[in-house]
């Protein structure tokens, strides 16, 4: 399952690079769509511990914001 994850992440990364560096509008739209599809596929192929980490980080981030460490 790690090979499809790496392939979809690399395709999504290339699409994001094309979206940022291109001047053509149709290339930007197409690259953005491919990047979103690639990121969704990478979430599908990701191991369970990565999915669990992605779900728990926002919960802890919200709790850390309410503690107000810096003033």
C-alpha atoms as a PDB file:
ATOM      1  CA  UNK A   1       0.000   0.000   0.000  1.00  0.00           C
ATOM      2  CA  UNK A   2       2.968   2.333   0.313  1.00  0.00           C
ATOM      3  CA  UNK A   3       3.739   2.350  -3.424  1.00  0.00           C
ATOM      4  CA  UNK A   4       0.305   3.714  -4.472  1.00  0.00           C
ATOM      5  CA  UNK A   5       0.554   6.276  -1.679  1.00  0.00           C
ATOM      6  CA  UNK A   6       3.904   7.534  -2.916  1.00  0.00           C
ATOM      7  CA  UNK A   7       2.739   7.574  -6.532  1.00  0.00           C
ATOM      8  CA  UNK A   8      -0.397   9.575  -5.761  1.00  0.00           C
ATOM      9  CA  UNK A   9       1.551  12.007  -3.561  1.00  0.00           C
ATOM     10  CA  UNK A  10       4.145  12.561  -6.265  1.00  0.00           C
ATOM     11  CA  UNK A  11       1.460  13.159  -8.910  1.00  0.00           C
ATOM     12  CA  UNK A  12      -0.310  15.597  -6.594  1.00  0.00           C
ATOM     13  CA  UNK A  13       2.966  17.395  -5.854  1.00  0.00           C
ATOM     14  CA  UNK A  14       3.747  17.727  -9.543  1.00  0.00           C
ATOM     15  CA  UNK A  15       0.252  19.070 -10.187  1.00  0.00           C
ATOM     16  CA  UNK A  16       0.637  21.663  -7.432  1.00  0.00           C
ATOM     17  CA  UNK A  17       3.967  22.727  -8.924  1.00  0.00           C
ATOM     18  CA  UNK A  18       2.362  23.088 -12.353  1.00  0.00           C
ATOM     19  CA  UNK A  19      -0.490  25.112 -10.870  1.00  0.00           C
ATOM     20  CA  UNK A  20       1.888  27.528  -9.178  1.00  0.00           C
ATOM     21  CA  UNK A  21       4.401  27.914 -11.990  1.00  0.00           C
ATOM     22  CA  UNK A  22       2.097  28.036 -15.015  1.00  0.00           C
ATOM     23  CA  UNK A  23       0.702  31.161 -16.638  1.00  0.00           C
ATOM     24  CA  UNK A  24      -2.067  29.448 -18.619  1.00  0.00           C
ATOM     25  CA  UNK A  25      -5.508  29.400 -17.024  1.00  0.00           C
ATOM     26  CA  UNK A  26      -6.581  25.992 -18.337  1.00  0.00           C
ATOM     27  CA  UNK A  27      -3.356  24.426 -17.050  1.00  0.00           C
ATOM     28  CA  UNK A  28      -3.979  25.936 -13.620  1.00  0.00           C
ATOM     29  CA  UNK A  29      -7.545  24.614 -13.476  1.00  0.00           C
ATOM     30  CA  UNK A  30      -6.590  21.144 -14.682  1.00  0.00           C
ATOM     31  CA  UNK A  31      -3.574  20.920 -12.384  1.00  0.00           C
ATOM     32  CA  UNK A  32      -5.710  22.005  -9.431  1.00  0.00           C
ATOM     33  CA  UNK A  33      -8.265  19.300 -10.148  1.00  0.00           C
ATOM     34  CA  UNK A  34      -5.542  16.674 -10.522  1.00  0.00           C
ATOM     35  CA  UNK A  35      -3.941  17.828  -7.269  1.00  0.00           C
ATOM     36  CA  UNK A  36      -7.216  17.464  -5.368  1.00  0.00           C
ATOM     37  CA  UNK A  37      -7.855  14.015  -6.826  1.00  0.00           C
ATOM     38  CA  UNK A  38      -4.272  12.973  -6.041  1.00  0.00           C
ATOM     39  CA  UNK A  39      -4.536  14.154  -2.452  1.00  0.00           C
ATOM     40  CA  UNK A  40      -7.819  12.301  -1.959  1.00  0.00           C
ATOM     41  CA  UNK A  41      -6.282   9.145  -3.402  1.00  0.00           C
ATOM     42  CA  UNK A  42      -3.284   9.502  -1.129  1.00  0.00           C
ATOM     43  CA  UNK A  43      -5.623   9.687   1.864  1.00  0.00           C
ATOM     44  CA  UNK A  44      -7.310   6.517   0.653  1.00  0.00           C
ATOM     45  CA  UNK A  45      -4.007   4.661   0.319  1.00  0.00           C
ATOM     46  CA  UNK A  46      -2.462   6.022   3.537  1.00  0.00           C
ATOM     47  CA  UNK A  47      -1.879   3.644   6.449  1.00  0.00           C
ATOM     48  CA  UNK A  48      -4.325   3.787   9.332  1.00  0.00           C
ATOM     49  CA  UNK A  49      -1.864   5.511  11.706  1.00  0.00           C
ATOM     50  CA  UNK A  50      -1.494   8.455   9.294  1.00  0.00           C
ATOM     51  CA  UNK A  51      -5.271   8.775   9.010  1.00  0.00           C
ATOM     52  CA  UNK A  52      -5.594   8.685  12.797  1.00  0.00           C
ATOM     53  CA  UNK A  53      -2.874  11.310  13.124  1.00  0.00           C
ATOM     54  CA  UNK A  54      -4.676  13.583  10.662  1.00  0.00           C
ATOM     55  CA  UNK A  55      -7.847  13.272  12.718  1.00  0.00           C
ATOM     56  CA  UNK A  56      -6.252  13.906  16.114  1.00  0.00           C
ATOM     57  CA  UNK A  57      -3.985  16.854  15.270  1.00  0.00           C
ATOM     58  CA  UNK A  58      -6.871  19.356  14.845  1.00  0.00           C
ATOM     59  CA  UNK A  59      -8.364  18.215  18.151  1.00  0.00           C
ATOM     60  CA  UNK A  60      -5.142  18.868  20.053  1.00  0.00           C
ATOM     61  CA  UNK A  61      -4.531  22.090  18.141  1.00  0.00           C
ATOM     62  CA  UNK A  62      -7.917  23.418  19.257  1.00  0.00           C
ATOM     63  CA  UNK A  63      -7.182  22.504  22.868  1.00  0.00           C
ATOM     64  CA  UNK A  64      -3.767  24.142  22.720  1.00  0.00           C
ATOM     65  CA  UNK A  65      -5.290  27.353  21.345  1.00  0.00           C
ATOM     66  CA  UNK A  66      -7.668  27.604  24.298  1.00  0.00           C
ATOM     67  CA  UNK A  67      -4.794  27.333  26.819  1.00  0.00           C
ATOM     68  CA  UNK A  68      -3.375  30.638  25.591  1.00  0.00           C
ATOM     69  CA  UNK A  69       0.304  30.109  26.399  1.00  0.00           C
ATOM     70  CA  UNK A  70       1.525  33.374  24.918  1.00  0.00           C
ATOM     71  CA  UNK A  71      -0.625  35.932  26.596  1.00  0.00           C
END
